[in-house]
Structures are given as structure tokens and as C-alpha cells.
Amino acid sequence: MFRISRKVDYAIHLMASLSEQPKGKLKSTASLSKELEIPLPFLH
């Protein structure tokens, strides 16, 4: 078993969420932060 950092975990969740978005559709970092429960500073 291996451990991943919190930043890597956030990045994986973010990439998975973005890959599910329709092409050309934008989302704000604030909405992504709330939806994915990722602190906003990690997205800036």
C-alpha cells in the first residue's frame, strides 16, 4: 500500500470532475471547491 498527499488526492478528484464536464463548459473555481470539498486556495 502507498500513501498519497492531500494535494495529489485533490488533484485526482479535480481531474476526474473536469473530465466529466461537457466539452466547452466552464466551471468557476469557487463552484468546484464547494462541489468537491477542496479548499479554494488549492485551486488557485
N, C-alpha and C. Protein backbone atom coordinates (compact mmCIF):
# COMPACT_ATOMS: atom_id res chain seq x y z
N MET A 1 0.86 -1.18 0.00
CA MET A 1 0.00 0.00 0.00
C MET A 1 0.90 1.23 0.00
N PHE A 2 0.45 2.27 -0.68
CA PHE A 2 1.22 3.50 -0.69
C PHE A 2 0.34 4.65 -0.26
N ARG A 3 0.97 5.73 0.16
CA ARG A 3 0.23 6.90 0.62
C ARG A 3 0.40 8.02 -0.39
N ILE A 4 -0.65 8.78 -0.59
CA ILE A 4 -0.57 9.95 -1.45
C ILE A 4 -0.87 11.19 -0.60
N SER A 5 -0.30 12.29 -1.02
CA SER A 5 -0.50 13.52 -0.28
C SER A 5 -1.92 14.05 -0.52
N ARG A 6 -2.32 14.94 0.33
CA ARG A 6 -3.64 15.56 0.20
C ARG A 6 -3.73 16.33 -1.12
N LYS A 7 -2.64 17.01 -1.50
CA LYS A 7 -2.65 17.76 -2.76
C LYS A 7 -2.87 16.83 -3.95
N VAL A 8 -2.24 15.68 -3.93
CA VAL A 8 -2.42 14.71 -5.02
C VAL A 8 -3.85 14.19 -5.02
N ASP A 9 -4.40 13.93 -3.86
CA ASP A 9 -5.79 13.47 -3.76
C ASP A 9 -6.73 14.52 -4.34
N TYR A 10 -6.53 15.78 -3.97
CA TYR A 10 -7.36 16.87 -4.51
C TYR A 10 -7.21 16.93 -6.03
N ALA A 11 -5.99 16.80 -6.52
CA ALA A 11 -5.75 16.88 -7.96
C ALA A 11 -6.46 15.77 -8.71
N ILE A 12 -6.43 14.57 -8.17
CA ILE A 12 -7.10 13.44 -8.82
C ILE A 12 -8.61 13.67 -8.87
N HIS A 13 -9.19 14.11 -7.76
CA HIS A 13 -10.62 14.39 -7.74
C HIS A 13 -10.98 15.51 -8.71
N LEU A 14 -10.15 16.54 -8.76
CA LEU A 14 -10.41 17.65 -9.66
C LEU A 14 -10.35 17.20 -11.12
N MET A 15 -9.34 16.45 -11.48
CA MET A 15 -9.20 15.99 -12.86
C MET A 15 -10.36 15.08 -13.26
N ALA A 16 -10.78 14.22 -12.35
CA ALA A 16 -11.92 13.34 -12.64
C ALA A 16 -13.19 14.16 -12.87
N SER A 17 -13.40 15.17 -12.04
CA SER A 17 -14.58 16.02 -12.18
C SER A 17 -14.53 16.80 -13.49
N LEU A 18 -13.38 17.36 -13.82
CA LEU A 18 -13.25 18.13 -15.05
C LEU A 18 -13.43 17.26 -16.28
N SER A 19 -12.99 16.01 -16.21
CA SER A 19 -13.12 15.12 -17.37
C SER A 19 -14.57 14.76 -17.65
N GLU A 20 -15.44 14.91 -16.68
CA GLU A 20 -16.86 14.60 -16.86
C GLU A 20 -17.67 15.78 -17.39
N GLN A 21 -17.04 16.96 -17.43
CA GLN A 21 -17.73 18.15 -17.91
C GLN A 21 -17.91 18.09 -19.43
N PRO A 22 -19.05 18.57 -19.92
CA PRO A 22 -19.22 18.65 -21.38
C PRO A 22 -18.14 19.56 -21.98
N LYS A 23 -17.71 19.23 -23.17
CA LYS A 23 -16.67 20.00 -23.83
C LYS A 23 -17.11 21.45 -23.99
N GLY A 24 -16.24 22.36 -23.59
CA GLY A 24 -16.52 23.78 -23.71
C GLY A 24 -17.27 24.39 -22.55
N LYS A 25 -17.74 23.57 -21.62
CA LYS A 25 -18.47 24.09 -20.46
C LYS A 25 -17.46 24.47 -19.38
N LEU A 26 -17.61 25.67 -18.86
CA LEU A 26 -16.70 26.16 -17.83
C LEU A 26 -17.35 26.11 -16.46
N LYS A 27 -16.52 25.95 -15.43
CA LYS A 27 -16.97 25.99 -14.04
C LYS A 27 -16.02 26.88 -13.28
N SER A 28 -16.55 27.64 -12.36
CA SER A 28 -15.68 28.50 -11.56
C SER A 28 -14.94 27.68 -10.51
N THR A 29 -13.81 28.21 -10.08
CA THR A 29 -13.06 27.52 -9.03
C THR A 29 -13.86 27.48 -7.74
N ALA A 30 -14.67 28.51 -7.50
CA ALA A 30 -15.49 28.53 -6.29
C ALA A 30 -16.51 27.39 -6.30
N SER A 31 -17.14 27.16 -7.44
CA SER A 31 -18.13 26.08 -7.50
C SER A 31 -17.45 24.71 -7.41
N LEU A 32 -16.28 24.57 -8.04
CA LEU A 32 -15.54 23.31 -7.93
C LEU A 32 -15.11 23.07 -6.49
N SER A 33 -14.66 24.11 -5.83
CA SER A 33 -14.24 24.00 -4.44
C SER A 33 -15.38 23.49 -3.57
N LYS A 34 -16.54 24.07 -3.74
CA LYS A 34 -17.71 23.68 -2.94
C LYS A 34 -18.16 22.26 -3.29
N GLU A 35 -18.26 21.97 -4.58
CA GLU A 35 -18.74 20.67 -5.04
C GLU A 35 -17.82 19.52 -4.61
N LEU A 36 -16.51 19.74 -4.70
CA LEU A 36 -15.55 18.68 -4.42
C LEU A 36 -14.99 18.73 -2.99
N GLU A 37 -15.42 19.73 -2.24
CA GLU A 37 -14.94 19.92 -0.87
C GLU A 37 -13.42 20.04 -0.82
N ILE A 38 -12.91 20.86 -1.74
CA ILE A 38 -11.49 21.16 -1.82
C ILE A 38 -11.32 22.62 -1.42
N PRO A 39 -10.42 22.91 -0.50
CA PRO A 39 -10.22 24.32 -0.11
C PRO A 39 -9.86 25.17 -1.34
N LEU A 40 -10.49 26.32 -1.45
CA LEU A 40 -10.29 27.19 -2.60
C LEU A 40 -8.82 27.53 -2.85
N PRO A 41 -8.00 27.78 -1.83
CA PRO A 41 -6.59 28.10 -2.11
C PRO A 41 -5.86 27.00 -2.88
N PHE A 42 -6.27 25.75 -2.76
CA PHE A 42 -5.63 24.67 -3.51
C PHE A 42 -5.93 24.77 -5.00
N LEU A 43 -6.98 25.49 -5.36
CA LEU A 43 -7.37 25.60 -6.76
C LEU A 43 -6.81 26.85 -7.42
N HIS A 44 -6.12 27.67 -6.68
CA HIS A 44 -5.53 28.90 -7.25
C HIS A 44 -4.05 28.76 -7.42
